[in-house]
Protein backbone atom coordinates (compact mmCIF):
# COMPACT_ATOMS: atom_id res chain seq x y z
CA MET A 1 -0.06 0.07 -0.12
CA ARG A 2 3.08 2.35 0.88
CA TYR A 3 4.41 1.55 -2.63
CA LEU A 4 1.11 2.20 -4.30
CA MET A 5 0.95 5.72 -2.53
CA PHE A 6 4.30 6.61 -3.56
CA PHE A 7 3.43 5.79 -7.43
CA MET A 8 0.62 8.05 -7.04
CA VAL A 9 2.05 10.74 -5.66
CA MET A 10 4.83 10.40 -8.73
CA MET A 11 2.01 10.15 -11.21
CA LEU A 12 0.23 13.51 -9.96
CA ALA A 13 3.74 15.14 -9.66
CA ASN A 14 4.23 14.19 -13.57
CA VAL A 15 1.01 15.25 -14.64
CA ALA A 16 1.53 18.54 -12.80
CA HIS A 17 4.61 19.06 -14.42
CA ALA A 18 3.20 18.24 -17.81
CA MET A 19 0.57 21.13 -17.51
CA ASP A 20 3.20 23.39 -16.54
CA CYS A 21 5.35 22.77 -19.53
CA GLU A 22 5.12 25.53 -22.70
CA LYS A 23 5.67 24.85 -26.27
CA VAL A 24 9.43 25.50 -27.64
CA PRO A 25 8.94 28.17 -30.09
CA THR A 26 10.42 27.40 -33.23
CA CYS A 27 13.14 29.14 -35.14
CA GLU A 28 10.85 31.24 -37.30
CA GLU A 29 8.84 32.16 -34.41
CA LEU A 30 12.08 33.42 -32.86
CA GLY A 31 12.65 35.65 -35.99
CA TYR A 32 15.36 33.53 -37.66
CA SER A 33 15.44 32.76 -41.44
CA THR A 34 17.21 30.56 -43.48
CA GLU A 35 17.62 33.54 -46.10
CA GLU A 36 20.82 35.42 -46.85
CA ASP A 37 20.49 39.38 -45.63
CA PRO A 38 22.52 41.45 -48.41
CA ASN A 39 23.07 44.30 -45.96
CA CYS A 40 24.49 42.08 -43.23
CA ALA A 41 28.11 42.64 -42.27
CA GLU A 42 30.60 39.81 -42.24
CA ASN A 43 30.34 37.57 -39.12
CA GLY A 44 27.16 39.57 -38.44
CA TYR A 45 24.74 36.78 -37.95
CA MET A 46 23.23 35.08 -34.82
CA TYR A 47 21.98 31.37 -35.17
CA CYS A 48 19.39 29.59 -33.77
CA PRO A 49 20.09 27.40 -31.19
CA PHE A 50 17.50 24.72 -32.23
CA ASP A 51 18.68 24.71 -35.84
CA LYS A 52 21.95 26.22 -37.13
CA THR A 53 20.55 26.87 -40.41
CA TYR A 54 18.26 29.46 -39.35
CA LYS A 55 20.09 32.96 -38.58
CA LYS A 56 19.33 36.45 -38.06
CA CYS A 57 21.51 39.37 -38.51
CA VAL A 58 22.48 41.66 -35.80
CA ASN A 59 25.16 43.47 -37.21
CA MET A 60 24.25 45.65 -40.27
CA ASP A 61 27.18 46.47 -42.96
CA CYS A 62 26.83 50.38 -42.87
CA GLU A 63 28.76 50.45 -45.87
CA LYS A 64 26.42 48.26 -48.12
CA LEU A 65 23.48 50.32 -46.45
CA GLY A 66 24.95 53.48 -48.09
CA PHE A 67 26.52 55.05 -44.98
CA THR A 68 29.86 56.67 -45.15
CA THR A 69 32.31 58.14 -42.37
CA SER A 70 32.78 61.33 -44.47
CA ASP A 71 31.86 64.76 -42.64
CA LYS A 72 28.39 66.00 -43.81
CA THR A 73 27.59 68.53 -41.10
CA SER A 74 28.42 71.42 -43.44
CA TRP A 75 25.94 70.76 -46.14
CA CYS A 76 23.55 67.99 -44.67
CA GLY A 77 20.75 69.22 -42.59
CA LYS A 78 19.34 65.62 -41.67
CA LEU A 79 21.71 63.15 -40.57
CA ALA A 80 20.96 59.47 -40.06
CA PHE A 81 23.37 57.00 -38.29
CA CYS A 82 24.19 53.33 -38.94
CA PRO A 83 22.43 51.48 -36.04
CA SER A 84 25.52 49.25 -35.59
CA ASP A 85 28.28 52.17 -35.90
CA LYS A 86 27.43 55.50 -35.30
CA SER A 87 30.82 56.68 -37.04
CA TYR A 88 28.80 55.87 -40.30
CA THR A 89 26.38 58.50 -41.52
CA LEU A 90 23.72 59.13 -44.21
CA CYS A 91 22.39 62.41 -45.65
CA LYS A 92 18.56 62.28 -45.79
CA ALA A 93 17.77 65.24 -47.45
CA LEU A 94 13.87 64.77 -47.67
CA CYS A 95 11.38 65.63 -44.66
CA GLU A 96 9.64 63.33 -42.53
CA ILE A 97 6.61 63.84 -40.12
CA GLY A 98 8.21 65.10 -36.72
CA ASP A 99 11.18 66.59 -38.15
CA VAL A 100 12.53 70.08 -37.49
CA TYR A 101 11.71 72.37 -40.19
CA TYR A 102 14.65 75.36 -40.26
CA ALA A 103 14.73 78.73 -41.72
CA ASP A 104 16.54 77.68 -44.67
CA GLY A 105 13.96 75.13 -45.90
CA THR A 106 15.71 71.95 -44.58
CA CYS A 107 14.61 69.45 -42.27
CA GLY A 108 16.44 67.59 -39.58
CA TYR A 109 16.05 65.21 -36.84
CA ALA A 110 15.77 67.12 -33.38
CA ASP A 111 18.10 65.07 -31.56
CA ASN A 112 21.03 66.23 -34.28
CA TYR A 113 20.22 70.32 -33.48
CA ASP A 114 23.34 71.83 -32.72
CA GLY A 115 22.40 75.18 -32.89
CA SER A 116 24.00 75.91 -36.46
CA LYS A 117 20.56 76.63 -37.97
CA THR A 118 17.32 78.30 -36.97
CA PRO A 119 14.57 75.86 -36.10
CA VAL A 120 11.14 77.28 -37.06
CA GLY A 121 8.48 74.40 -37.02
CA VAL A 122 7.92 70.99 -37.10
CA VAL A 123 6.92 68.87 -39.86
CA TYR A 124 3.24 67.23 -39.43
CA THR A 125 2.18 66.24 -43.04
CA VAL A 126 4.60 65.32 -46.03
CA SER A 127 4.00 64.34 -49.81
CA ASP A 128 5.75 63.66 -52.86
CA SER A 129 7.91 61.30 -50.56
CA GLY A 130 9.05 64.24 -48.36
CA ARG A 131 9.53 66.86 -50.82
CA HIS A 132 6.47 68.91 -49.75
CA GLY A 133 4.43 69.36 -46.32
CA LYS A 134 3.20 71.68 -44.24
CA VAL A 135 4.93 72.70 -40.40
CA ILE A 136 3.37 73.98 -37.35
CA ASN A 137 5.19 76.85 -35.48
CA LEU A 138 7.21 75.81 -32.05
CA HIS A 139 5.04 77.70 -29.78
CA ASP A 140 1.22 79.05 -29.48
CA LEU A 141 0.90 82.72 -30.35
CA GLY A 142 0.41 85.29 -27.52
CA ARG A 143 -0.27 88.84 -26.90
CA GLU A 144 0.23 91.71 -23.98
CA SER A 145 -3.61 91.67 -22.89
CA GLU A 146 -7.13 90.64 -23.97
CA ASN A 147 -7.37 94.22 -25.37
CA ALA A 148 -3.72 94.41 -26.87
CA PRO A 149 -3.52 93.70 -30.44
CA PHE A 150 -1.10 90.73 -31.91
CA ASN A 151 2.73 92.14 -31.97
CA PRO A 152 4.81 89.96 -34.37
CA GLU A 153 8.03 91.62 -32.97
CA ASN A 154 7.04 89.42 -29.71
CA PRO A 155 5.05 86.88 -31.14
CA TYR A 156 5.45 84.20 -28.29
CA ASP A 157 4.22 86.87 -25.40
CA THR A 158 2.80 84.45 -22.85
CA ARG A 159 1.03 87.16 -20.77
CA TYR A 160 -2.13 86.26 -22.86
CA GLU A 161 -2.36 83.36 -25.12
CA ASN A 162 -5.73 83.72 -26.46
CA PHE A 163 -7.25 85.08 -29.81
CA PHE A 164 -10.84 85.88 -31.09
CA TRP A 165 -11.67 84.52 -34.47
CA GLY A 166 -13.22 87.65 -35.43
CA TYR A 167 -15.83 88.71 -37.80
CA MET A 168 -18.55 87.93 -35.42
CA LYS A 169 -21.92 87.88 -37.22
CA TYR A 170 -20.25 87.98 -40.44
CA ASP A 171 -20.16 85.22 -43.24
CA ILE A 172 -16.77 85.32 -45.19
CA PRO A 173 -17.53 85.59 -48.96
CA ASN A 174 -16.47 82.76 -51.02
CA LEU A 175 -15.22 80.65 -47.65
CA GLN A 176 -17.32 77.39 -47.48
CA ASN A 177 -19.35 76.89 -44.28
CA TYR A 178 -19.19 73.35 -42.83
CA ASP A 179 -21.83 72.40 -40.24
CA GLU A 180 -23.54 69.38 -38.73
CA THR A 181 -24.68 68.48 -42.02
CA ASN A 182 -21.75 68.40 -44.41
CA VAL A 183 -18.75 68.45 -42.33
CA VAL A 184 -18.35 64.58 -41.87
CA ASN A 185 -18.44 63.87 -45.60
CA ARG A 186 -16.45 66.70 -46.58
CA LEU A 187 -13.61 65.61 -43.88
CA LYS A 188 -13.78 62.35 -45.41
CA ALA A 189 -13.85 63.43 -48.94
CA TYR A 190 -10.50 65.68 -48.31
CA ASP A 191 -12.53 68.87 -49.50
CA PRO A 192 -9.50 71.07 -50.14
CA ASP A 193 -11.47 74.12 -47.87
CA LEU A 194 -11.02 71.77 -45.32
CA TYR A 195 -7.41 70.99 -45.93
CA ASP A 196 -5.90 74.22 -47.17
CA GLY A 197 -5.71 76.82 -44.57
CA LYS A 198 -3.31 79.09 -46.59
CA ARG A 199 -6.32 79.40 -49.23
CA ASN A 200 -8.74 79.96 -46.17
CA THR A 201 -6.56 82.68 -44.65
CA ASP A 202 -6.47 84.27 -48.05
CA LYS A 203 -10.19 84.41 -48.35
CA ILE A 204 -10.73 85.85 -44.84
CA LEU A 205 -8.18 88.53 -45.34
CA ALA A 206 -9.37 89.61 -48.67
CA ALA A 207 -12.86 90.09 -47.35
CA GLU A 208 -14.34 93.68 -46.85
CA GLY A 209 -15.57 92.62 -43.56
CA PRO A 210 -18.47 94.30 -41.81
CA GLU A 211 -19.21 97.89 -40.71
CA CYS A 212 -17.19 98.62 -37.57
CA THR A 213 -18.69 100.85 -34.93
CA TYR A 214 -16.22 99.86 -32.16
CA GLU A 215 -13.29 101.50 -30.92
CA GLU A 216 -10.04 99.66 -31.68
CA SER A 217 -8.20 97.93 -29.12
CA THR A 218 -11.27 97.10 -27.11
CA ALA A 219 -12.29 93.35 -26.95
CA SER A 220 -15.58 93.97 -29.18
CA TYR A 221 -13.22 95.66 -31.95
CA TYR A 222 -11.38 92.43 -31.85
CA GLN A 223 -14.78 90.13 -32.02
CA TYR A 224 -16.63 92.07 -34.69
CA CYS A 225 -14.21 94.45 -36.72
CA ILE A 226 -11.11 92.31 -37.90
CA PRO A 227 -10.45 88.55 -38.18
CA GLN A 228 -7.92 88.74 -35.36
CA ALA A 229 -7.01 85.08 -35.43
CA ALA A 230 -6.25 84.96 -39.34
CA GLN A 231 -4.50 88.04 -39.02
CA ALA A 232 -2.30 86.85 -36.36
CA ALA A 233 -1.29 83.92 -38.32
CA ARG A 234 -0.44 86.05 -41.64
CA ASP A 235 1.37 88.46 -39.39
CA PHE A 236 3.73 86.15 -37.69
CA TYR A 237 7.32 85.39 -38.30
CA PRO A 238 9.37 83.28 -35.96
CA GLN A 239 12.08 86.15 -35.20
CA LYS A 240 13.31 89.55 -36.05
CA GLU A 241 15.95 88.59 -38.59
CA LEU A 242 13.49 86.50 -40.61
CA GLU A 243 10.71 88.99 -41.16
CA ASN A 244 11.24 89.31 -44.54
CA ASP A 245 12.69 85.94 -45.40
CA SER A 246 10.89 84.56 -48.57
CA LYS A 247 10.71 80.76 -46.88
CA VAL A 248 9.49 81.62 -43.32
CA GLY A 249 8.83 85.39 -43.11
CA LYS A 250 5.90 87.47 -42.77
CA GLY A 251 2.96 86.87 -44.99
CA ILE A 252 4.24 83.04 -45.50
CA TRP A 253 2.34 81.45 -42.31
CA TYR A 254 -1.35 80.97 -42.06
CA LEU A 255 -4.15 80.00 -39.84
CA PRO A 256 -4.52 75.84 -40.12
CA ALA A 257 -8.09 74.67 -41.73
CA LEU A 258 -9.93 72.27 -39.74
CA GLY A 259 -8.75 69.11 -41.85
CA GLU A 260 -4.89 70.35 -41.10
CA LEU A 261 -5.33 70.59 -37.07
CA MET A 262 -6.91 66.99 -37.51
CA GLU A 263 -3.78 65.93 -39.45
CA LEU A 264 -1.68 67.45 -36.58
CA MET A 265 -3.38 65.05 -34.34
CA GLY A 266 -3.36 62.14 -36.33
CA TYR A 267 -6.54 61.10 -37.75
CA ASP A 268 -8.30 57.99 -39.67
CA ASN A 269 -10.67 59.70 -41.48
CA ALA A 270 -12.76 56.31 -42.39
CA ASN A 271 -13.64 56.45 -38.88
CA ILE A 272 -14.85 59.95 -38.43
CA SER A 273 -18.57 59.82 -37.11
CA GLY A 274 -20.13 62.50 -35.45
CA TYR A 275 -19.62 66.16 -36.62
CA GLN A 276 -18.59 67.26 -33.10
CA GLY A 277 -16.10 65.11 -31.13
CA ASN A 278 -12.93 62.90 -31.33
CA SER A 279 -14.15 59.95 -33.64
CA GLY A 280 -11.11 58.94 -35.80
CA VAL A 281 -8.15 60.45 -33.73
CA THR A 282 -4.98 58.25 -33.62
CA TYR A 283 -2.99 60.65 -31.95
CA LYS A 284 0.09 59.47 -33.69
CA THR A 285 1.40 62.83 -35.20
CA LYS A 286 0.66 64.65 -32.15
CA VAL A 287 2.99 62.19 -30.03
CA THR A 288 5.78 62.46 -32.68
CA VAL A 289 5.37 66.50 -33.26
CA ASN A 290 5.42 66.91 -29.26
CA SER A 291 8.32 64.66 -28.88
CA THR A 292 10.28 66.81 -31.36
CA LEU A 293 9.12 70.06 -29.35
CA THR A 294 10.13 68.68 -26.15
CA THR A 295 13.63 67.77 -27.77
CA LEU A 296 14.15 71.27 -28.75
CA LYS A 297 12.98 72.69 -25.64
CA GLU A 298 15.71 70.89 -23.89
CA LYS A 299 18.15 72.13 -26.07
CA ASN A 300 17.22 75.66 -25.13
CA VAL A 301 14.90 76.64 -28.11
CA THR A 302 11.84 78.62 -27.67
CA ALA A 303 9.10 75.70 -28.04
CA GLU A 304 6.24 74.37 -26.25
CA THR A 305 4.42 70.87 -26.81
CA LEU A 306 0.71 71.30 -28.24
CA THR A 307 -1.62 72.90 -25.33
CA ASP A 308 -2.95 70.46 -22.85
CA SER A 309 -4.63 73.64 -21.04
CA GLU A 310 -7.85 72.99 -19.62
CA SER A 311 -9.08 76.69 -20.70
CA GLY A 312 -12.64 77.32 -21.63
CA ASP A 313 -13.64 73.44 -21.77
CA SER A 314 -12.96 70.26 -19.44
CA ARG A 315 -12.02 68.67 -22.81
CA GLY A 316 -8.84 70.96 -23.07
CA GLY A 317 -7.79 74.18 -24.47
CA TYR A 318 -8.24 74.60 -28.18
CA TYR A 319 -6.93 76.04 -31.39
CA TRP A 320 -8.58 78.34 -33.89
CA SER A 321 -9.14 76.57 -37.28
CA SER A 322 -9.66 79.11 -40.54
CA SER A 323 -12.60 76.62 -41.29
CA GLU A 324 -15.92 78.39 -40.90
CA PHE A 325 -19.13 76.76 -39.60
CA SER A 326 -21.52 79.66 -39.92
CA LEU A 327 -21.63 83.61 -39.70
CA ASP A 328 -20.96 83.23 -35.99
CA HIS A 329 -19.14 80.17 -35.58
CA SER A 330 -15.93 78.56 -36.72
CA TRP A 331 -14.10 75.31 -36.05
CA ALA A 332 -11.75 74.81 -33.32
CA LEU A 333 -9.84 71.89 -32.20
CA ALA A 334 -8.87 70.72 -28.65
CA PRO A 335 -5.05 68.70 -28.79
CA LYS A 336 -5.76 67.11 -25.39
CA ILE A 337 -8.21 64.52 -26.79
CA GLY A 338 -8.37 65.83 -30.44
CA TYR A 339 -11.64 67.15 -29.92
CA ARG A 340 -13.38 69.01 -32.67
CA ILE A 341 -15.87 71.72 -31.86
CA SER A 342 -17.80 74.51 -33.59
CA SER A 343 -17.22 77.67 -31.45
CA GLY A 344 -18.54 81.18 -31.30
CA LYS A 345 -16.13 83.56 -33.01
CA VAL A 346 -16.97 85.85 -30.14
CA TYR A 347 -14.96 83.73 -27.58
CA ASP A 348 -11.34 83.84 -27.10
CA TYR A 349 -10.44 80.77 -25.20
CA PRO A 350 -8.78 79.19 -28.31
CA ARG A 351 -4.92 79.58 -29.20
CA LEU A 352 -3.37 80.20 -31.91
CA ARG A 353 -0.47 77.97 -33.79
CA ALA A 354 0.54 78.85 -37.49
CA SER A 355 1.35 76.83 -40.26
CA LEU A 356 3.17 76.90 -43.32
CA GLN A 357 3.72 74.96 -46.50
CA PHE A 358 7.11 73.92 -48.36
């Protein structure tokens, strides 16, 4: 009987042990392959412990990948480093989302910023494989007070970082209105007026405007008599010496359209549903752009991440767009959760970021 009990205990132990065992992964599941990697360095392979015919490259050949050891810093704005040897570099001339955009029209990685060029923004959309795209400026625009005009010589005045859209009770001629009946379909169709803030800003500033009966430098004047948000964006330039610069100077920047602010967040347009809200938001671009802005700030550049302010609404601080909802409302978007909303032009809780096309 004693031997029978011992046998039973051993059997149960073996069953328990078998239940705890996990299946050994295959070489392919571990990322190994039988194929040759043409970019792998000599002796750069690691072999699968279960089958030596399977291998994977752990040391890339920098020269095979096009990297060289020549000094490119004097002419290349965007250096990439070989993963296996940082002394090998490659010049990447085209722009990518999240790149620093410099005053000379070149792009570069934020980690590579060394003070030799002037950063003016961050790339948030690209086309034509990086030859063209859109840039958001580095910091919320600001002014001295609620009753003070925007001063382009001090564009980042942090004493008052809120603006009126302006032109309250005035419908901008030739500027398409997007309301609850059409905005979702037009966003999905990439309607140009929802994705071209430059053209919108041109139309807003070309309008005659309503008859004004308010005194200048009063809240009512900015609410009813001028298009304050669009005008500030167009008057913006990053710093004094760039005021007349043909690439990034005064007159080049504009107030982004609603679709552009959504691109700045990262959106899957196919999943947009309600006309207000944050359906479709992915945050991918916002995370990338904010990472670049954070790195630049750490390198003593005047830069701030996109606002997560609670001002005006529990969903977070908003940015004005150049897209009009009606004669008394325009579109704004909260970066905190990507929430789009129609806001009265009379309100000044939204903030401003300026954009440019390259």
